[in-house]
C-alpha atoms as a PDB file:
ATOM      1  CA  MET A   1      64.661-110.577 187.399  1.00  0.00           C
ATOM      2  CA  SER A   2      67.768-110.670 185.563  1.00  0.00           C
ATOM      3  CA  GLU A   3      68.224-113.605 183.136  1.00  0.00           C
ATOM      4  CA  SER A   4      71.030-114.874 185.073  1.00  0.00           C
ATOM      5  CA  GLU A   5      69.058-115.050 188.461  1.00  0.00           C
ATOM      6  CA  ALA A   6      66.935-117.882 189.883  1.00  0.00           C
ATOM      7  CA  PHE A   7      65.583-118.908 193.156  1.00  0.00           C
ATOM      8  CA  ASN A   8      64.902-122.502 194.554  1.00  0.00           C
ATOM      9  CA  LEU A   9      61.388-122.394 196.084  1.00  0.00           C
ATOM     10  CA  PHE A  10      60.390-124.269 199.106  1.00  0.00           C
ATOM     11  CA  CYS A  11      56.734-124.623 200.559  1.00  0.00           C
ATOM     12  CA  ARG A  12      56.067-125.696 204.296  1.00  0.00           C
ATOM     13  CA  LYS A  13      53.953-129.004 204.005  1.00  0.00           C
ATOM     14  CA  HIS A  14      51.419-128.124 206.330  1.00  0.00           C
ATOM     15  CA  GLU A  15      51.334-124.462 205.485  1.00  0.00           C
ATOM     16  CA  PRO A  16      51.984-124.542 201.629  1.00  0.00           C
ATOM     17  CA  THR A  17      51.418-120.670 201.200  1.00  0.00           C
ATOM     18  CA  LEU A  18      54.313-120.184 203.573  1.00  0.00           C
ATOM     19  CA  CYS A  19      57.386-120.023 201.008  1.00  0.00           C
ATOM     20  CA  CYS A  20      60.945-119.546 201.210  1.00  0.00           C
ATOM     21  CA  ALA A  21      63.010-118.642 198.000  1.00  0.00           C
ATOM     22  CA  VAL A  22      66.662-119.223 197.967  1.00  0.00           C
ATOM     23  CA  SER A  23      68.862-117.952 195.352  1.00  0.00           C
ATOM     24  CA  GLN A  24      70.600-120.619 193.471  1.00  0.00           C
ATOM     25  CA  ASP A  25      73.758-119.029 194.088  1.00  0.00           C
ATOM     26  CA  LEU A  26      73.581-119.518 197.815  1.00  0.00           C
ATOM     27  CA  PRO A  27      73.345-122.799 200.186  1.00  0.00           C
ATOM     28  CA  VAL A  28      69.947-123.772 201.114  1.00  0.00           C
ATOM     29  CA  PRO A  29      69.105-122.475 205.056  1.00  0.00           C
ATOM     30  CA  SER A  30      69.578-125.003 207.748  1.00  0.00           C
ATOM     31  CA  PHE A  31      65.879-124.519 208.858  1.00  0.00           C
ATOM     32  CA  ILE A  32      64.548-125.994 205.613  1.00  0.00           C
ATOM     33  CA  GLN A  33      64.311-129.504 206.456  1.00  0.00           C
ATOM     34  CA  GLY A  34      62.637-132.395 204.520  1.00  0.00           C
ATOM     35  CA  GLU A  35      60.084-133.432 207.353  1.00  0.00           C
ATOM     36  CA  THR A  36      58.630-129.624 207.179  1.00  0.00           C
ATOM     37  CA  TRP A  37      59.513-128.002 203.738  1.00  0.00           C
ATOM     38  CA  GLU A  38      59.342-129.430 200.277  1.00  0.00           C
ATOM     39  CA  PHE A  39      60.910-128.218 197.137  1.00  0.00           C
ATOM     40  CA  ALA A  40      58.334-126.726 194.862  1.00  0.00           C
ATOM     41  CA  GLY A  41      60.375-125.678 192.018  1.00  0.00           C
ATOM     42  CA  THR A  42      62.676-122.871 190.544  1.00  0.00           C
ATOM     43  CA  ILE A  43      61.706-119.513 189.453  1.00  0.00           C
ATOM     44  CA  THR A  44      64.112-118.239 186.518  1.00  0.00           C
ATOM     45  CA  HIS A  45      62.174-115.685 185.208  1.00  0.00           C
ATOM     46  CA  GLU A  46      59.355-113.135 186.115  1.00  0.00           C
ATOM     47  CA  ASP A  47      56.456-114.829 184.526  1.00  0.00           C
ATOM     48  CA  GLN A  48      57.104-117.775 186.772  1.00  0.00           C
ATOM     49  CA  GLU A  49      56.828-115.729 190.149  1.00  0.00           C
ATOM     50  CA  PRO A  50      54.232-116.872 192.389  1.00  0.00           C
ATOM     51  CA  PRO A  51      51.493-114.452 193.785  1.00  0.00           C
ATOM     52  CA  GLY A  52      53.043-112.764 196.605  1.00  0.00           C
ATOM     53  CA  PHE A  53      56.800-112.902 195.617  1.00  0.00           C
ATOM     54  CA  HIS A  54      58.501-109.613 195.139  1.00  0.00           C
ATOM     55  CA  THR A  55      61.574-109.587 192.960  1.00  0.00           C
ATOM     56  CA  GLU A  56      63.284-106.731 194.483  1.00  0.00           C
ATOM     57  CA  ALA A  57      62.365-107.989 198.097  1.00  0.00           C
ATOM     58  CA  ALA A  58      63.654-110.959 197.268  1.00  0.00           C
ATOM     59  CA  ASP A  59      66.990-109.783 196.016  1.00  0.00           C
ATOM     60  CA  GLU A  60      67.697-107.692 199.120  1.00  0.00           C
ATOM     61  CA  ALA A  61      66.570-110.523 201.540  1.00  0.00           C
ATOM     62  CA  ALA A  62      68.945-112.832 199.626  1.00  0.00           C
ATOM     63  CA  ARG A  63      71.626-110.366 199.907  1.00  0.00           C
ATOM     64  CA  LEU A  64      71.056-109.799 203.748  1.00  0.00           C
ATOM     65  CA  THR A  65      69.945-113.182 204.864  1.00  0.00           C
ATOM     66  CA  GLY A  66      70.491-115.698 201.920  1.00  0.00           C
ATOM     67  CA  TYR A  67      66.765-116.426 201.788  1.00  0.00           C
ATOM     68  CA  TYR A  68      63.373-114.814 201.223  1.00  0.00           C
ATOM     69  CA  LEU A  69      60.203-115.785 203.209  1.00  0.00           C
ATOM     70  CA  PHE A  70      56.789-114.830 201.698  1.00  0.00           C
ATOM     71  CA  GLN A  71      53.257-115.653 201.863  1.00  0.00           C
ATOM     72  CA  ALA A  72      52.085-116.810 198.557  1.00  0.00           C
ATOM     73  CA  LEU A  73      48.449-115.668 197.989  1.00  0.00           C
ATOM     74  CA  PRO A  74      45.910-118.286 197.490  1.00  0.00           C
ATOM     75  CA  ALA A  75      44.503-119.144 194.073  1.00  0.00           C
ATOM     76  CA  GLY A  76      41.301-117.596 194.753  1.00  0.00           C
ATOM     77  CA  VAL A  77      42.954-114.187 195.202  1.00  0.00           C
ATOM     78  CA  VAL A  78      44.807-114.000 191.962  1.00  0.00           C
ATOM     79  CA  ALA A  79      44.743-115.900 188.905  1.00  0.00           C
ATOM     80  CA  LEU A  80      47.417-118.700 188.273  1.00  0.00           C
ATOM     81  CA  ARG A  81      49.743-118.069 185.215  1.00  0.00           C
ATOM     82  CA  GLU A  82      51.235-120.714 183.233  1.00  0.00           C
ATOM     83  CA  GLY A  83      54.632-121.473 183.897  1.00  0.00           C
ATOM     84  CA  TRP A  84      54.644-121.734 187.737  1.00  0.00           C
ATOM     85  CA  PRO A  85      56.301-124.494 189.097  1.00  0.00           C
ATOM     86  CA  ALA A  86      53.575-127.505 189.314  1.00  0.00           C
ATOM     87  CA  PRO A  87      54.285-128.242 193.135  1.00  0.00           C
ATOM     88  CA  LEU A  88      53.344-124.718 193.894  1.00  0.00           C
ATOM     89  CA  VAL A  89      50.149-124.728 191.796  1.00  0.00           C
ATOM     90  CA  ARG A  90      49.113-128.002 193.550  1.00  0.00           C
ATOM     91  CA  SER A  91      49.964-126.342 197.082  1.00  0.00           C
ATOM     92  CA  LEU A  92      47.867-123.531 196.058  1.00  0.00           C
ATOM     93  CA  THR A  93      44.959-125.135 194.466  1.00  0.00           C
ATOM     94  CA  GLY A  94      44.879-128.806 195.492  1.00  0.00           C
ATOM     95  CA  SER A  95      45.211-129.789 191.697  1.00  0.00           C
ATOM     96  CA  ASP A  96      47.566-129.276 188.655  1.00  0.00           C
ATOM     97  CA  ALA A  97      44.939-127.043 187.162  1.00  0.00           C
ATOM     98  CA  ILE A  98      45.898-123.454 185.888  1.00  0.00           C
ATOM     99  CA  CYS A  99      43.507-120.897 185.604  1.00  0.00           C
ATOM    100  CA  VAL A 100      44.443-117.942 183.366  1.00  0.00           C
END
């Protein structure tokens, strides 16, 4: 992920591991509605990437469709890293705790 790239991250309210990353340079897709999705933070560099996020796939998907859908891995599968957006940590773990 280059220094200038950034993705806004949205997670489904009732399926919080289903995430949509949207380049900050692009409009939010119309299917991202407040009643079913919530803003989970912004990814500005690689150490903030949630588990399951792949930069190359995100770049290509954003170029082709304007967004990148991915399945975030549960906290029990991988250790959480500091710097991840707090709403994403809460959706994966149920708390603000960071496991390193």
